[in-house]
Amino acid sequence: MSKKITFINQNKTWRLVVPAIGLILFFTAILVFKETILDKILQPIGMLLTILPLIFPFKCVIL
């Protein structure tokens, strides 16, 4: 059984928009909502959105 690696198009706009939103949420949580419940919610969501495009750089297709 062989695997074929197919790279996803890196020029999609969501690959720039999603991390930008994540960084905005992350820094907003740190600077504005210090030590509140929103800080504990927005920081992990912002970090996840920031690294989300890095998690899916390619997909493997098993033939």
PDB file of N, CA and C in Angstrom:
ATOM      1  N   MET A   1       0.834  -1.166   0.000  1.00  0.00           N
ATOM      2  CA  MET A   1       0.000   0.000   0.000  1.00  0.00           C
ATOM      3  C   MET A   1       0.888   1.241   0.000  1.00  0.00           C
ATOM      4  N   SER A   2       0.680   2.115  -0.949  1.00  0.00           N
ATOM      5  CA  SER A   2       1.497   3.325  -1.033  1.00  0.00           C
ATOM      6  C   SER A   2       0.673   4.550  -0.640  1.00  0.00           C
ATOM      7  N   LYS A   3       1.377   5.552  -0.169  1.00  0.00           N
ATOM      8  CA  LYS A   3       0.725   6.801   0.210  1.00  0.00           C
ATOM      9  C   LYS A   3       1.092   7.886  -0.786  1.00  0.00           C
ATOM     10  N   LYS A   4       0.113   8.673  -1.128  1.00  0.00           N
ATOM     11  CA  LYS A   4       0.339   9.794  -2.022  1.00  0.00           C
ATOM     12  C   LYS A   4       0.113  11.069  -1.208  1.00  0.00           C
ATOM     13  N   ILE A   5       1.077  11.948  -1.205  1.00  0.00           N
ATOM     14  CA  ILE A   5       0.969  13.195  -0.463  1.00  0.00           C
ATOM     15  C   ILE A   5       0.548  14.294  -1.428  1.00  0.00           C
ATOM     16  N   THR A   6      -0.547  14.957  -1.092  1.00  0.00           N
ATOM     17  CA  THR A   6      -1.049  16.051  -1.898  1.00  0.00           C
ATOM     18  C   THR A   6      -0.981  17.328  -1.071  1.00  0.00           C
ATOM     19  N   PHE A   7      -0.263  18.318  -1.565  1.00  0.00           N
ATOM     20  CA  PHE A   7      -0.142  19.568  -0.841  1.00  0.00           C
ATOM     21  C   PHE A   7      -1.344  20.454  -1.131  1.00  0.00           C
ATOM     22  N   ILE A   8      -1.829  21.093  -0.093  1.00  0.00           N
ATOM     23  CA  ILE A   8      -2.963  21.995  -0.214  1.00  0.00           C
ATOM     24  C   ILE A   8      -2.444  23.355  -0.686  1.00  0.00           C
ATOM     25  N   ASN A   9      -3.249  24.041  -1.471  1.00  0.00           N
ATOM     26  CA  ASN A   9      -2.876  25.360  -1.965  1.00  0.00           C
ATOM     27  C   ASN A   9      -2.646  26.313  -0.787  1.00  0.00           C
ATOM     28  N   GLN A  10      -1.450  26.851  -0.667  1.00  0.00           N
ATOM     29  CA  GLN A  10      -1.097  27.720   0.451  1.00  0.00           C
ATOM     30  C   GLN A  10      -1.557  29.160   0.245  1.00  0.00           C
ATOM     31  N   ASN A  11      -2.076  29.493  -0.918  1.00  0.00           N
ATOM     32  CA  ASN A  11      -2.449  30.869  -1.215  1.00  0.00           C
ATOM     33  C   ASN A  11      -3.902  31.180  -0.915  1.00  0.00           C
ATOM     34  N   LYS A  12      -4.568  30.331  -0.186  1.00  0.00           N
ATOM     35  CA  LYS A  12      -5.957  30.585   0.174  1.00  0.00           C
ATOM     36  C   LYS A  12      -6.014  31.731   1.186  1.00  0.00           C
ATOM     37  N   THR A  13      -7.056  32.532   1.124  1.00  0.00           N
ATOM     38  CA  THR A  13      -7.163  33.690   2.011  1.00  0.00           C
ATOM     39  C   THR A  13      -7.421  33.283   3.457  1.00  0.00           C
ATOM     40  N   TRP A  14      -8.031  32.130   3.684  1.00  0.00           N
ATOM     41  CA  TRP A  14      -8.304  31.719   5.064  1.00  0.00           C
ATOM     42  C   TRP A  14      -7.009  31.437   5.811  1.00  0.00           C
ATOM     43  N   ARG A  15      -5.933  31.116   5.088  1.00  0.00           N
ATOM     44  CA  ARG A  15      -4.645  30.852   5.737  1.00  0.00           C
ATOM     45  C   ARG A  15      -4.022  32.123   6.308  1.00  0.00           C
ATOM     46  N   LEU A  16      -4.495  33.284   5.890  1.00  0.00           N
ATOM     47  CA  LEU A  16      -4.042  34.548   6.469  1.00  0.00           C
ATOM     48  C   LEU A  16      -5.068  35.133   7.436  1.00  0.00           C
ATOM     49  N   VAL A  17      -6.341  34.952   7.129  1.00  0.00           N
ATOM     50  CA  VAL A  17      -7.399  35.551   7.937  1.00  0.00           C
ATOM     51  C   VAL A  17      -7.542  34.852   9.282  1.00  0.00           C
ATOM     52  N   VAL A  18      -7.513  33.531   9.294  1.00  0.00           N
ATOM     53  CA  VAL A  18      -7.709  32.783  10.538  1.00  0.00           C
ATOM     54  C   VAL A  18      -6.608  33.075  11.562  1.00  0.00           C
ATOM     55  N   PRO A  19      -5.318  33.039  11.206  1.00  0.00           N
ATOM     56  CA  PRO A  19      -4.302  33.396  12.201  1.00  0.00           C
ATOM     57  C   PRO A  19      -4.387  34.859  12.642  1.00  0.00           C
ATOM     58  N   ALA A  20      -4.788  35.750  11.738  1.00  0.00           N
ATOM     59  CA  ALA A  20      -4.923  37.157  12.123  1.00  0.00           C
ATOM     60  C   ALA A  20      -6.019  37.323  13.165  1.00  0.00           C
ATOM     61  N   ILE A  21      -7.137  36.652  12.975  1.00  0.00           N
ATOM     62  CA  ILE A  21      -8.214  36.696  13.965  1.00  0.00           C
ATOM     63  C   ILE A  21      -7.750  36.068  15.269  1.00  0.00           C
ATOM     64  N   GLY A  22      -7.007  34.978  15.182  1.00  0.00           N
ATOM     65  CA  GLY A  22      -6.489  34.323  16.377  1.00  0.00           C
ATOM     66  C   GLY A  22      -5.561  35.224  17.171  1.00  0.00           C
ATOM     67  N   LEU A  23      -4.680  35.932  16.473  1.00  0.00           N
ATOM     68  CA  LEU A  23      -3.770  36.843  17.166  1.00  0.00           C
ATOM     69  C   LEU A  23      -4.509  38.017  17.802  1.00  0.00           C
ATOM     70  N   ILE A  24      -5.514  38.515  17.109  1.00  0.00           N
ATOM     71  CA  ILE A  24      -6.317  39.602  17.674  1.00  0.00           C
ATOM     72  C   ILE A  24      -7.031  39.135  18.931  1.00  0.00           C
ATOM     73  N   LEU A  25      -7.635  37.940  18.892  1.00  0.00           N
ATOM     74  CA  LEU A  25      -8.304  37.406  20.078  1.00  0.00           C
ATOM     75  C   LEU A  25      -7.323  37.175  21.218  1.00  0.00           C
ATOM     76  N   PHE A  26      -6.170  36.625  20.901  1.00  0.00           N
ATOM     77  CA  PHE A  26      -5.175  36.324  21.927  1.00  0.00           C
ATOM     78  C   PHE A  26      -4.694  37.589  22.636  1.00  0.00           C
ATOM     79  N   PHE A  27      -4.299  38.593  21.854  1.00  0.00           N
ATOM     80  CA  PHE A  27      -3.788  39.811  22.464  1.00  0.00           C
ATOM     81  C   PHE A  27      -4.889  40.640  23.120  1.00  0.00           C
ATOM     82  N   THR A  28      -6.104  40.561  22.603  1.00  0.00           N
ATOM     83  CA  THR A  28      -7.225  41.223  23.264  1.00  0.00           C
ATOM     84  C   THR A  28      -7.477  40.599  24.621  1.00  0.00           C
ATOM     85  N   ALA A  29      -7.397  39.281  24.697  1.00  0.00           N
ATOM     86  CA  ALA A  29      -7.594  38.597  25.974  1.00  0.00           C
ATOM     87  C   ALA A  29      -6.516  38.974  26.974  1.00  0.00           C
ATOM     88  N   ILE A  30      -5.280  39.109  26.509  1.00  0.00           N
ATOM     89  CA  ILE A  30      -4.180  39.450  27.418  1.00  0.00           C
ATOM     90  C   ILE A  30      -4.257  40.908  27.874  1.00  0.00           C
ATOM     91  N   LEU A  31      -4.513  41.804  26.943  1.00  0.00           N
ATOM     92  CA  LEU A  31      -4.438  43.225  27.263  1.00  0.00           C
ATOM     93  C   LEU A  31      -5.728  43.810  27.840  1.00  0.00           C
ATOM     94  N   VAL A  32      -6.876  43.333  27.388  1.00  0.00           N
ATOM     95  CA  VAL A  32      -8.137  43.943  27.794  1.00  0.00           C
ATOM     96  C   VAL A  32      -8.822  43.164  28.917  1.00  0.00           C
ATOM     97  N   PHE A  33      -8.898  41.859  28.755  1.00  0.00           N
ATOM     98  CA  PHE A  33      -9.658  41.031  29.690  1.00  0.00           C
ATOM     99  C   PHE A  33      -8.754  40.305  30.680  1.00  0.00           C
ATOM    100  N   LYS A  34      -7.808  41.017  31.276  1.00  0.00           N
ATOM    101  CA  LYS A  34      -6.884  40.398  32.228  1.00  0.00           C
ATOM    102  C   LYS A  34      -7.646  39.835  33.422  1.00  0.00           C
ATOM    103  N   GLU A  35      -7.316  38.602  33.779  1.00  0.00           N
ATOM    104  CA  GLU A  35      -7.832  37.937  34.975  1.00  0.00           C
ATOM    105  C   GLU A  35      -9.352  37.907  35.062  1.00  0.00           C
ATOM    106  N   THR A  36      -9.995  37.704  33.923  1.00  0.00           N
ATOM    107  CA  THR A  36     -11.447  37.502  33.903  1.00  0.00           C
ATOM    108  C   THR A  36     -11.726  36.164  33.239  1.00  0.00           C
ATOM    109  N   ILE A  37     -12.992  35.799  33.219  1.00  0.00           N
ATOM    110  CA  ILE A  37     -13.370  34.527  32.592  1.00  0.00           C
ATOM    111  C   ILE A  37     -13.163  34.591  31.069  1.00  0.00           C
ATOM    112  N   LEU A  38     -13.337  35.781  30.485  1.00  0.00           N
ATOM    113  CA  LEU A  38     -13.105  35.917  29.039  1.00  0.00           C
ATOM    114  C   LEU A  38     -11.643  35.697  28.686  1.00  0.00           C
ATOM    115  N   ASP A  39     -10.744  36.043  29.585  1.00  0.00           N
ATOM    116  CA  ASP A  39      -9.325  35.797  29.362  1.00  0.00           C
ATOM    117  C   ASP A  39      -9.041  34.306  29.253  1.00  0.00           C
ATOM    118  N   LYS A  40      -9.650  33.535  30.111  1.00  0.00           N
ATOM    119  CA  LYS A  40      -9.435  32.084  30.105  1.00  0.00           C
ATOM    120  C   LYS A  40     -10.091  31.403  28.911  1.00  0.00           C
ATOM    121  N   ILE A  41     -11.071  32.048  28.306  1.00  0.00           N
ATOM    122  CA  ILE A  41     -11.742  31.478  27.134  1.00  0.00           C
ATOM    123  C   ILE A  41     -11.068  31.925  25.841  1.00  0.00           C
ATOM    124  N   LEU A  42     -10.764  33.218  25.738  1.00  0.00           N
ATOM    125  CA  LEU A  42     -10.250  33.761  24.482  1.00  0.00           C
ATOM    126  C   LEU A  42      -8.794  33.410  24.204  1.00  0.00           C
ATOM    127  N   GLN A  43      -7.977  33.256  25.225  1.00  0.00           N
ATOM    128  CA  GLN A  43      -6.568  32.915  24.989  1.00  0.00           C
ATOM    129  C   GLN A  43      -6.399  31.561  24.291  1.00  0.00           C
ATOM    130  N   PRO A  44      -7.010  30.474  24.775  1.00  0.00           N
ATOM    131  CA  PRO A  44      -6.839  29.200  24.052  1.00  0.00           C
ATOM    132  C   PRO A  44      -7.459  29.205  22.661  1.00  0.00           C
ATOM    133  N   ILE A  45      -8.598  29.883  22.508  1.00  0.00           N
ATOM    134  CA  ILE A  45      -9.220  29.961  21.183  1.00  0.00           C
ATOM    135  C   ILE A  45      -8.316  30.726  20.227  1.00  0.00           C
ATOM    136  N   GLY A  46      -7.734  31.832  20.692  1.00  0.00           N
ATOM    137  CA  GLY A  46      -6.826  32.611  19.850  1.00  0.00           C
ATOM    138  C   GLY A  46      -5.584  31.834  19.471  1.00  0.00           C
ATOM    139  N   MET A  47      -5.030  31.101  20.413  1.00  0.00           N
ATOM    140  CA  MET A  47      -3.837  30.296  20.103  1.00  0.00           C
ATOM    141  C   MET A  47      -4.161  29.176  19.123  1.00  0.00           C
ATOM    142  N   LEU A  48      -5.323  28.544  19.290  1.00  0.00           N
ATOM    143  CA  LEU A  48      -5.729  27.475  18.371  1.00  0.00           C
ATOM    144  C   LEU A  48      -5.915  28.020  16.963  1.00  0.00           C
ATOM    145  N   LEU A  49      -6.580  29.162  16.846  1.00  0.00           N
ATOM    146  CA  LEU A  49      -6.781  29.752  15.526  1.00  0.00           C
ATOM    147  C   LEU A  49      -5.460  30.186  14.894  1.00  0.00           C
ATOM    148  N   THR A  50      -4.503  30.577  15.713  1.00  0.00           N
ATOM    149  CA  THR A  50      -3.212  31.006  15.180  1.00  0.00           C
ATOM    150  C   THR A  50      -2.435  29.838  14.577  1.00  0.00           C
ATOM    151  N   ILE A  51      -2.490  28.667  15.207  1.00  0.00           N
ATOM    152  CA  ILE A  51      -1.719  27.534  14.690  1.00  0.00           C
ATOM    153  C   ILE A  51      -2.532  26.611  13.785  1.00  0.00           C
ATOM    154  N   LEU A  52      -3.814  26.875  13.617  1.00  0.00           N
ATOM    155  CA  LEU A  52      -4.668  26.000  12.807  1.00  0.00           C
ATOM    156  C   LEU A  52      -4.162  25.808  11.379  1.00  0.00           C
ATOM    157  N   PRO A  53      -3.762  26.845  10.648  1.00  0.00           N
ATOM    158  CA  PRO A  53      -3.250  26.610   9.288  1.00  0.00           C
ATOM    159  C   PRO A  53      -1.954  25.810   9.254  1.00  0.00           C
ATOM    160  N   LEU A  54      -1.207  25.789  10.345  1.00  0.00           N
ATOM    161  CA  LEU A  54       0.031  25.015  10.373  1.00  0.00           C
ATOM    162  C   LEU A  54      -0.228  23.532  10.597  1.00  0.00           C
ATOM    163  N   ILE A  55      -1.399  23.183  11.112  1.00  0.00           N
ATOM    164  CA  ILE A  55      -1.734  21.790  11.386  1.00  0.00           C
ATOM    165  C   ILE A  55      -2.064  21.047  10.093  1.00  0.00           C
ATOM    166  N   PHE A  56      -2.617  21.747   9.109  1.00  0.00           N
ATOM    167  CA  PHE A  56      -3.061  21.114   7.875  1.00  0.00           C
ATOM    168  C   PHE A  56      -2.253  21.533   6.652  1.00  0.00           C
ATOM    169  N   PRO A  57      -0.934  21.387   6.641  1.00  0.00           N
ATOM    170  CA  PRO A  57      -0.190  21.817   5.461  1.00  0.00           C
ATOM    171  C   PRO A  57      -0.319  20.868   4.275  1.00  0.00           C
ATOM    172  N   PHE A  58      -0.614  19.620   4.542  1.00  0.00           N
ATOM    173  CA  PHE A  58      -0.798  18.663   3.459  1.00  0.00           C
ATOM    174  C   PHE A  58      -1.723  17.563   3.918  1.00  0.00           C
ATOM    175  N   LYS A  59      -2.243  16.836   2.983  1.00  0.00           N
ATOM    176  CA  LYS A  59      -3.121  15.715   3.324  1.00  0.00           C
ATOM    177  C   LYS A  59      -2.548  14.455   2.678  1.00  0.00           C
ATOM    178  N   CYS A  60      -2.667  13.355   3.377  1.00  0.00           N
ATOM    179  CA  CYS A  60      -2.189  12.072   2.858  1.00  0.00           C
ATOM    180  C   CYS A  60      -3.363  11.277   2.328  1.00  0.00           C
ATOM    181  N   VAL A  61      -3.200  10.758   1.165  1.00  0.00           N
ATOM    182  CA  VAL A  61      -4.228   9.917   0.549  1.00  0.00           C
ATOM    183  C   VAL A  61      -3.644   8.521   0.423  1.00  0.00           C
ATOM    184  N   ILE A  62      -4.314   7.561   1.031  1.00  0.00           N
ATOM    185  CA  ILE A  62      -3.848   6.163   0.944  1.00  0.00           C
ATOM    186  C   ILE A  62      -4.531   5.513  -0.260  1.00  0.00           C
ATOM    187  N   LEU A  63      -3.714   4.984  -1.141  1.00  0.00           N
ATOM    188  CA  LEU A  63      -4.239   4.322  -2.340  1.00  0.00           C
ATOM    189  C   LEU A  63      -4.443   2.855  -2.082  1.00  0.00           C
TER     190      LEU A  63
END
